[in-house]
Amino acid sequence: MRSIPLLLSVAALTSPLAIAGVFSFTPLGDLPGGTAYSVANGVSSDGSVVVGFSKGTSGDEAFLWTSGTGMIGLGDLAGGSFASYGTAVSGNGLVATGYGSSTVASSEAFLWATGSGMTGLGVSPGYTASFARGVSADGSVVVGNNFSLQAFRWTQSEGMVGLGDLPGGSFSSVAYGVSGDGSVIVGSSNSGSGSEAFRWTEATGMVGLGDLSGGSFSSAAYAISADGSVIVGSGNSDSGFVATLWSESTGTISLGDLAGGASYSYANAVSGDGSVVGGRGTSDLGTEAFIWTAGTGIQSLQSILTAGGIDLTGWALREVRGVSGDGLTFVGYGQNPDGITEAWIATIPEPRVTIIVLATLLSFVARRRR
């Protein structure tokens, strides 16, 4: 009988007025001239540079965004039909990767650098296209895949080097993420068990990370912490397809799903030390962006921001696709009040675990009052 008064007391202490100004939410808009549409795919370590793509005058175009410049189109590779997509940005914010259309292939991996612009990384012999999906902290190592399908690691000195695949299945592998120093690569490959998350180093080669127990075998690794200690992705369990986290100490564990959902979630972004995870889940409201910490579990980012005093009327935040190194800045996309898909950047204050817990309690109390 004392739980509701206690929650109301917490709500009073942590009302939007008490914590306003320390949360932020900024829609990123879109490139001029095209149909309104934008998606943010990654953010630099300090949270200041965002990469993604938008529809511009010429078509789909990769962009970089900062608070000072706004959204700037990165153009495309020479030749081909105009289309480019920014997928990742280096930790220092100086290098972006993605893929575009060129005379080499309909989709060719690219590296964009401040001062030199966009450079195609080519396509490995025997393949028809390439896609860059991740980049190291200093921009010197790019990972992705050729089509059809082999994961690669690219450096200036060695060019594009295939990573092979897991044994036992049909040949197929995709690299999605890389550690800050470029030494650890993660992705998915076909093994004898099915589609399986992998971890690759030069010393070990490609090693499968298994799957959750229960359900048909299917797992993938979409991101790795800058320090290389934590890998996040998805797996199949007896309760459904859910976001996962892997470390040496825990193995693969389930992060669950949002309350009221259909047990369908995946994680594709993680902070520098692996303590904060972002992704997409389902709740009784539908698809929602989530953040997870060990201290709070999986929580709706929209609910946290709303409890922190941010007016998100008409918005539906769908997915977190990038997390800053300190775990306080998040980027992704959602539907804006006009029903248009739009990129956004959001921040929460320190101490993040306490803030998330208090914001979640406040959100719960608000729902109880309705």
Protein backbone atom coordinates (compact mmCIF):
# COMPACT_ATOMS: atom_id res chain seq x y z
CA MET A 1 0.00 0.00 0.00
CA ARG A 2 2.99 2.33 0.41
CA SER A 3 4.38 1.85 -3.11
CA ILE A 4 2.28 4.46 -4.86
CA PRO A 5 2.97 7.29 -2.34
CA LEU A 6 6.66 6.41 -2.58
CA LEU A 7 6.57 6.65 -6.36
CA LEU A 8 4.71 9.93 -6.17
CA SER A 9 7.38 11.29 -3.83
CA VAL A 10 10.07 10.24 -6.29
CA ALA A 11 8.09 11.86 -9.09
CA ALA A 12 7.89 15.12 -7.17
CA LEU A 13 11.64 15.17 -6.61
CA THR A 14 12.42 14.32 -10.23
CA SER A 15 9.71 16.26 -12.04
CA PRO A 16 10.50 17.73 -15.46
CA LEU A 17 10.93 21.13 -13.77
CA ALA A 18 13.62 19.69 -11.48
CA ILE A 19 15.66 18.11 -14.25
CA ALA A 20 14.73 20.22 -17.28
CA GLY A 21 17.61 21.51 -19.37
CA VAL A 22 19.86 18.50 -18.89
CA PHE A 23 18.09 16.35 -21.46
CA SER A 24 18.04 17.34 -25.13
CA PHE A 25 16.41 16.21 -28.37
CA THR A 26 17.21 17.69 -31.78
CA PRO A 27 15.59 16.68 -35.08
CA LEU A 28 18.23 16.79 -37.82
CA GLY A 29 16.00 17.72 -40.75
CA ASP A 30 16.97 16.62 -44.25
CA LEU A 31 18.98 17.68 -47.27
CA PRO A 32 17.35 20.37 -49.43
CA GLY A 33 15.56 19.68 -52.69
CA GLY A 34 14.41 16.12 -52.18
CA THR A 35 11.55 14.32 -50.51
CA ALA A 36 11.76 14.86 -46.75
CA TYR A 37 13.48 11.76 -45.33
CA SER A 38 16.59 11.15 -43.22
CA VAL A 39 18.17 8.41 -41.09
CA ALA A 40 21.12 8.75 -38.69
CA ASN A 41 23.37 5.67 -38.60
CA GLY A 42 26.30 6.60 -36.36
CA VAL A 43 27.91 9.19 -34.12
CA SER A 44 31.48 10.14 -33.22
CA SER A 45 32.94 9.26 -29.84
CA ASP A 46 32.33 12.74 -28.41
CA GLY A 47 28.78 12.87 -29.78
CA SER A 48 29.38 15.90 -32.01
CA VAL A 49 29.38 14.37 -35.53
CA VAL A 50 26.51 12.32 -36.97
CA VAL A 51 26.52 10.26 -40.17
CA GLY A 52 23.57 8.94 -42.14
CA PHE A 53 21.67 9.51 -45.35
CA SER A 54 18.86 11.71 -46.61
CA LYS A 55 16.95 12.36 -49.82
CA GLY A 56 18.44 15.36 -51.59
CA THR A 57 18.01 17.02 -54.97
CA SER A 58 19.90 14.26 -56.82
CA GLY A 59 18.57 11.30 -54.81
CA ASP A 60 19.64 9.42 -51.70
CA GLU A 61 22.82 11.03 -50.33
CA ALA A 62 25.16 10.38 -47.41
CA PHE A 63 25.41 13.22 -44.91
CA LEU A 64 27.41 14.49 -41.97
CA TRP A 65 25.78 16.67 -39.33
CA THR A 66 27.18 18.87 -36.57
CA SER A 67 25.41 21.47 -34.48
CA GLY A 68 27.50 24.14 -36.17
CA THR A 69 27.07 23.14 -39.81
CA GLY A 70 23.75 21.36 -39.82
CA MET A 71 23.30 18.57 -42.37
CA ILE A 72 25.85 18.54 -45.22
CA GLY A 73 25.63 16.17 -48.19
CA LEU A 74 28.77 14.17 -48.99
CA GLY A 75 28.01 13.64 -52.67
CA ASP A 76 28.61 10.34 -54.44
CA LEU A 77 31.32 8.40 -56.24
CA ALA A 78 31.95 9.23 -59.89
CA GLY A 79 29.73 7.52 -62.46
CA GLY A 80 26.69 5.37 -61.93
CA SER A 81 23.26 6.52 -60.84
CA PHE A 82 23.42 8.99 -57.95
CA ALA A 83 23.00 7.22 -54.61
CA SER A 84 25.17 7.21 -51.48
CA TYR A 85 24.60 6.05 -47.92
CA GLY A 86 26.65 6.95 -44.83
CA THR A 87 26.88 4.01 -42.44
CA ALA A 88 29.55 4.84 -39.84
CA VAL A 89 31.83 7.63 -38.61
CA SER A 90 35.23 7.31 -36.97
CA GLY A 91 35.61 8.00 -33.26
CA ASN A 92 37.45 11.25 -34.00
CA GLY A 93 34.70 12.38 -36.38
CA LEU A 94 37.07 12.97 -39.31
CA VAL A 95 36.28 9.92 -41.45
CA ALA A 96 32.95 8.52 -42.65
CA THR A 97 32.23 5.28 -44.47
CA GLY A 98 29.37 3.90 -46.48
CA TYR A 99 28.62 2.91 -50.05
CA GLY A 100 27.67 4.66 -53.25
CA SER A 101 27.06 4.14 -56.95
CA SER A 102 30.06 4.33 -59.30
CA THR A 103 31.49 3.20 -62.61
CA VAL A 104 33.03 0.27 -60.71
CA ALA A 105 29.78 -1.13 -59.32
CA SER A 106 26.19 -0.20 -58.59
CA SER A 107 27.28 -0.23 -54.92
CA GLU A 108 30.92 0.44 -53.99
CA ALA A 109 32.28 0.91 -50.48
CA PHE A 110 33.65 4.39 -49.85
CA LEU A 111 35.75 6.30 -47.36
CA TRP A 112 35.12 10.01 -46.92
CA ALA A 113 37.72 12.13 -45.14
CA THR A 114 37.86 15.78 -44.18
CA GLY A 115 39.94 17.56 -46.80
CA SER A 116 40.01 14.77 -49.40
CA GLY A 117 36.34 13.93 -49.89
CA MET A 118 34.96 10.58 -51.03
CA THR A 119 37.17 7.74 -52.28
CA GLY A 120 35.95 4.39 -53.59
CA LEU A 121 37.50 1.32 -51.96
CA GLY A 122 36.87 -0.97 -54.90
CA VAL A 123 35.35 -4.44 -55.12
CA SER A 124 37.24 -7.68 -54.50
CA PRO A 125 37.87 -9.88 -57.58
CA GLY A 126 35.00 -12.27 -58.23
CA TYR A 127 32.40 -10.07 -56.53
CA THR A 128 29.93 -7.57 -57.97
CA ALA A 129 29.53 -4.95 -55.22
CA SER A 130 30.95 -3.82 -51.88
CA PHE A 131 29.49 -2.18 -48.78
CA ALA A 132 31.38 -0.44 -45.95
CA ARG A 133 29.60 -0.78 -42.61
CA GLY A 134 32.07 0.11 -39.84
CA VAL A 135 35.26 2.10 -39.22
CA SER A 136 37.93 2.24 -36.51
CA ALA A 137 38.41 5.20 -34.16
CA ASP A 138 41.06 6.89 -36.32
CA GLY A 139 39.49 5.93 -39.66
CA SER A 140 42.35 3.68 -40.76
CA VAL A 141 40.42 0.38 -40.75
CA VAL A 142 37.14 -0.10 -42.63
CA VAL A 143 34.98 -3.23 -42.47
CA GLY A 144 32.04 -4.45 -44.49
CA ASN A 145 31.28 -7.03 -47.13
CA ASN A 146 31.52 -7.80 -50.78
CA PHE A 147 28.50 -9.19 -52.61
CA SER A 148 27.73 -11.94 -52.60
CA LEU A 149 28.77 -12.34 -49.49
CA GLN A 150 32.20 -12.17 -47.85
CA ALA A 151 33.22 -9.94 -44.95
CA PHE A 152 36.27 -7.75 -45.54
CA ARG A 153 38.79 -5.62 -43.70
CA TRP A 154 40.27 -2.66 -45.57
CA THR A 155 43.41 -0.66 -44.79
CA GLN A 156 45.40 1.77 -46.93
CA SER A 157 48.41 -0.55 -47.00
CA GLU A 158 46.66 -3.88 -47.65
CA GLY A 159 43.50 -2.85 -49.45
CA MET A 160 40.43 -5.07 -49.18
CA VAL A 161 41.15 -8.44 -47.53
CA GLY A 162 38.48 -11.14 -47.21
CA LEU A 163 37.87 -12.61 -43.75
CA GLY A 164 36.49 -15.97 -44.86
CA ASP A 165 33.52 -17.51 -43.08
CA LEU A 166 32.54 -19.93 -40.32
CA PRO A 167 32.90 -23.64 -41.13
CA GLY A 168 30.04 -25.97 -41.91
CA GLY A 169 27.56 -23.76 -43.73
CA SER A 170 27.18 -22.27 -47.19
CA PHE A 171 29.80 -19.56 -47.75
CA SER A 172 28.49 -16.24 -46.48
CA SER A 173 29.78 -13.55 -44.10
CA VAL A 174 29.15 -9.87 -43.36
CA ALA A 175 31.20 -7.57 -41.08
CA TYR A 176 29.17 -4.92 -39.28
CA GLY A 177 31.47 -3.43 -36.66
CA VAL A 178 35.07 -2.97 -35.57
CA SER A 179 36.80 -2.07 -32.31
CA GLY A 180 38.43 1.31 -31.82
CA ASP A 181 41.92 0.07 -32.64
CA GLY A 182 40.72 -1.96 -35.64
CA SER A 183 41.87 -5.30 -34.25
CA VAL A 184 38.50 -6.96 -33.50
CA ILE A 185 35.75 -7.30 -36.12
CA VAL A 186 32.21 -8.58 -35.61
CA GLY A 187 29.40 -9.67 -37.87
CA SER A 188 27.45 -12.72 -38.99
CA SER A 189 28.26 -15.79 -41.05
CA ASN A 190 26.73 -19.14 -41.98
CA SER A 191 27.97 -22.02 -39.84
CA GLY A 192 26.90 -25.61 -39.52
CA SER A 193 24.23 -24.47 -37.06
CA GLY A 194 22.80 -21.63 -39.14
CA SER A 195 23.35 -17.88 -39.30
CA GLU A 196 25.77 -17.13 -36.45
CA ALA A 197 27.38 -14.08 -34.87
CA PHE A 198 31.16 -14.00 -35.14
CA ARG A 199 34.21 -12.33 -33.64
CA TRP A 200 37.36 -12.03 -35.75
CA THR A 201 40.95 -11.17 -34.83
CA GLU A 202 44.11 -11.72 -36.83
CA ALA A 203 45.28 -14.25 -34.25
CA THR A 204 42.10 -16.33 -33.99
CA GLY A 205 40.43 -15.82 -37.33
CA MET A 206 36.64 -15.98 -37.38
CA VAL A 207 35.10 -17.53 -34.25
CA GLY A 208 31.38 -18.18 -33.82
CA LEU A 209 29.68 -16.78 -30.72
CA GLY A 210 26.77 -19.21 -30.64
CA ASP A 211 23.17 -18.28 -29.88
CA LEU A 212 20.69 -18.09 -27.02
CA SER A 213 19.10 -21.34 -25.90
CA GLY A 214 15.73 -22.26 -27.36
CA GLY A 215 14.28 -21.24 -30.69
CA SER A 216 15.71 -21.94 -34.10
CA PHE A 217 19.44 -21.12 -34.34
CA SER A 218 20.01 -17.56 -35.58
CA SER A 219 22.34 -14.87 -34.22
CA ALA A 220 24.20 -11.80 -35.45
CA ALA A 221 26.69 -9.27 -34.06
CA TYR A 222 26.03 -5.70 -35.16
CA ALA A 223 28.38 -3.58 -33.03
CA ILE A 224 31.37 -3.78 -30.70
CA SER A 225 32.54 -1.41 -27.98
CA ALA A 226 35.57 0.74 -28.75
CA ASP A 227 37.63 -1.20 -26.20
CA GLY A 228 36.67 -4.49 -27.87
CA SER A 229 35.22 -6.05 -24.72
CA VAL A 230 31.49 -6.08 -25.49
CA ILE A 231 29.63 -7.22 -28.61
CA VAL A 232 25.92 -6.57 -29.17
CA GLY A 233 23.44 -7.91 -31.67
CA SER A 234 20.54 -10.34 -31.74
CA GLY A 235 19.71 -13.96 -31.09
CA ASN A 236 16.81 -16.38 -31.08
CA SER A 237 15.51 -17.73 -27.77
CA ASP A 238 12.52 -19.70 -26.57
CA SER A 239 10.76 -16.37 -25.96
CA GLY A 240 11.51 -14.90 -29.38
CA PHE A 241 14.07 -12.90 -31.33
CA VAL A 242 15.80 -10.58 -28.86
CA ALA A 243 18.73 -8.19 -28.43
CA THR A 244 21.90 -9.78 -27.10
CA LEU A 245 25.19 -8.87 -25.42
CA TRP A 246 28.39 -10.92 -25.46
CA SER A 247 31.52 -10.59 -23.34
CA GLU A 248 34.27 -13.00 -22.31
CA SER A 249 32.82 -13.20 -18.80
CA THR A 250 29.13 -13.57 -19.63
CA GLY A 251 29.02 -15.25 -23.01
CA THR A 252 25.88 -14.42 -24.99
CA ILE A 253 23.03 -13.10 -22.84
CA SER A 254 19.57 -11.79 -23.67
CA LEU A 255 18.74 -8.12 -23.10
CA GLY A 256 15.03 -8.88 -23.39
CA ASP A 257 12.45 -6.54 -24.90
CA LEU A 258 10.34 -3.59 -23.87
CA ALA A 259 7.25 -4.16 -21.73
CA GLY A 260 4.18 -5.33 -23.64
CA GLY A 261 6.08 -6.17 -26.80
CA ALA A 262 6.18 -9.22 -29.01
CA SER A 263 9.72 -10.30 -28.02
CA TYR A 264 11.33 -8.83 -31.11
CA SER A 265 14.36 -6.64 -30.42
CA TYR A 266 17.92 -6.16 -31.59
CA ALA A 267 20.92 -4.14 -30.46
CA ASN A 268 23.11 -2.33 -32.96
CA ALA A 269 24.97 0.35 -30.99
CA VAL A 270 27.12 0.39 -27.85
CA SER A 271 29.16 2.88 -25.81
CA GLY A 272 32.95 2.89 -25.67
CA ASP A 273 33.20 0.65 -22.60
CA GLY A 274 30.16 -1.49 -23.42
CA SER A 275 28.05 -0.28 -20.50
CA VAL A 276 25.29 1.37 -22.57
CA VAL A 277 23.52 -0.37 -25.46
CA GLY A 278 21.07 1.04 -27.99
CA GLY A 279 18.73 -0.56 -30.46
CA ARG A 280 15.17 -1.29 -31.44
CA GLY A 281 12.46 -3.17 -29.58
CA THR A 282 8.72 -3.62 -29.43
CA SER A 283 6.28 -2.47 -26.77
CA ASP A 284 2.53 -2.15 -26.49
CA LEU A 285 2.99 1.04 -28.55
CA GLY A 286 4.78 -0.76 -31.40
CA THR A 287 8.41 -0.39 -32.51
CA GLU A 288 10.47 1.79 -30.15
CA ALA A 289 14.07 2.93 -29.72
CA PHE A 290 15.62 1.53 -26.54
CA ILE A 291 18.66 1.96 -24.35
CA TRP A 292 19.97 -0.65 -21.93
CA THR A 293 22.36 -0.67 -18.98
CA ALA A 294 23.04 -3.44 -16.49
CA GLY A 295 21.57 -1.28 -13.74
CA THR A 296 18.32 -0.37 -15.51
CA GLY A 297 17.64 -3.13 -17.99
CA ILE A 298 15.98 -2.28 -21.30
CA GLN A 299 14.04 1.01 -21.36
CA SER A 300 12.19 3.13 -23.91
CA LEU A 301 14.31 6.14 -24.88
CA GLN A 302 11.19 8.13 -25.70
CA SER A 303 9.78 7.53 -22.22
CA ILE A 304 13.07 8.59 -20.61
CA LEU A 305 13.27 11.81 -22.63
CA THR A 306 9.61 12.63 -21.99
CA ALA A 307 10.05 12.11 -18.26
CA GLY A 308 13.07 14.44 -18.48
CA GLY A 309 10.91 17.28 -19.75
CA ILE A 310 11.33 16.88 -23.52
CA ASP A 311 8.10 17.48 -25.48
CA LEU A 312 7.90 14.64 -28.01
CA THR A 313 4.24 15.08 -28.88
CA GLY A 314 3.59 13.48 -32.27
CA TRP A 315 6.99 11.77 -32.40
CA ALA A 316 7.63 8.02 -32.46
CA LEU A 317 11.33 7.24 -31.88
CA ARG A 318 11.90 3.95 -33.71
CA GLU A 319 15.56 2.99 -33.34
CA VAL A 320 18.87 3.94 -31.75
CA ARG A 321 21.61 3.43 -34.34
CA GLY A 322 24.56 5.12 -32.65
CA VAL A 323 25.82 5.76 -29.10
CA SER A 324 28.63 8.12 -28.11
CA GLY A 325 31.71 6.88 -26.28
CA ASP A 326 30.45 8.07 -22.88
CA GLY A 327 26.98 6.58 -23.41
CA LEU A 328 25.15 9.91 -23.04
CA THR A 329 24.39 10.78 -26.68
CA PHE A 330 22.17 8.74 -28.98
CA VAL A 331 21.29 9.04 -32.66
CA GLY A 332 18.69 7.27 -34.74
CA TYR A 333 15.46 7.87 -36.58
CA GLY A 334 11.73 7.99 -36.03
CA GLN A 335 8.49 9.36 -37.39
CA ASN A 336 8.08 13.08 -36.77
CA PRO A 337 4.72 14.78 -36.09
CA ASP A 338 4.10 14.92 -39.86
CA GLY A 339 4.56 11.16 -40.16
CA ILE A 340 7.90 11.56 -42.01
CA THR A 341 10.99 9.51 -41.19
CA GLU A 342 13.56 11.89 -39.71
CA ALA A 343 16.98 11.55 -38.09
CA TRP A 344 17.52 12.85 -34.56
CA ILE A 345 20.14 13.25 -31.83
CA ALA A 346 19.33 13.05 -28.11
CA THR A 347 21.32 13.39 -24.89
CA ILE A 348 20.77 12.39 -21.27
CA PRO A 349 22.75 13.66 -18.28
CA GLU A 350 25.03 11.98 -15.77
CA PRO A 351 24.72 9.98 -13.61
CA ARG A 352 23.02 8.05 -16.38
CA VAL A 353 21.89 4.99 -14.40
CA THR A 354 20.27 7.13 -11.70
CA ILE A 355 18.70 9.41 -14.30
CA ILE A 356 17.28 6.46 -16.28
CA VAL A 357 15.86 4.84 -13.15
CA LEU A 358 14.24 8.07 -11.94
CA ALA A 359 12.91 8.94 -15.40
CA THR A 360 11.46 5.45 -15.74
CA LEU A 361 9.74 5.76 -12.36
CA LEU A 362 8.33 9.14 -13.36
CA SER A 363 7.05 7.69 -16.63
CA PHE A 364 5.41 4.83 -14.72
CA VAL A 365 3.70 7.25 -12.34
CA ALA A 366 2.45 9.35 -15.26
CA ARG A 367 0.88 6.26 -16.83
CA ARG A 368 -0.76 5.31 -13.51
CA ARG A 369 -2.36 8.75 -13.30
CA ARG A 370 -4.03 8.44 -16.70
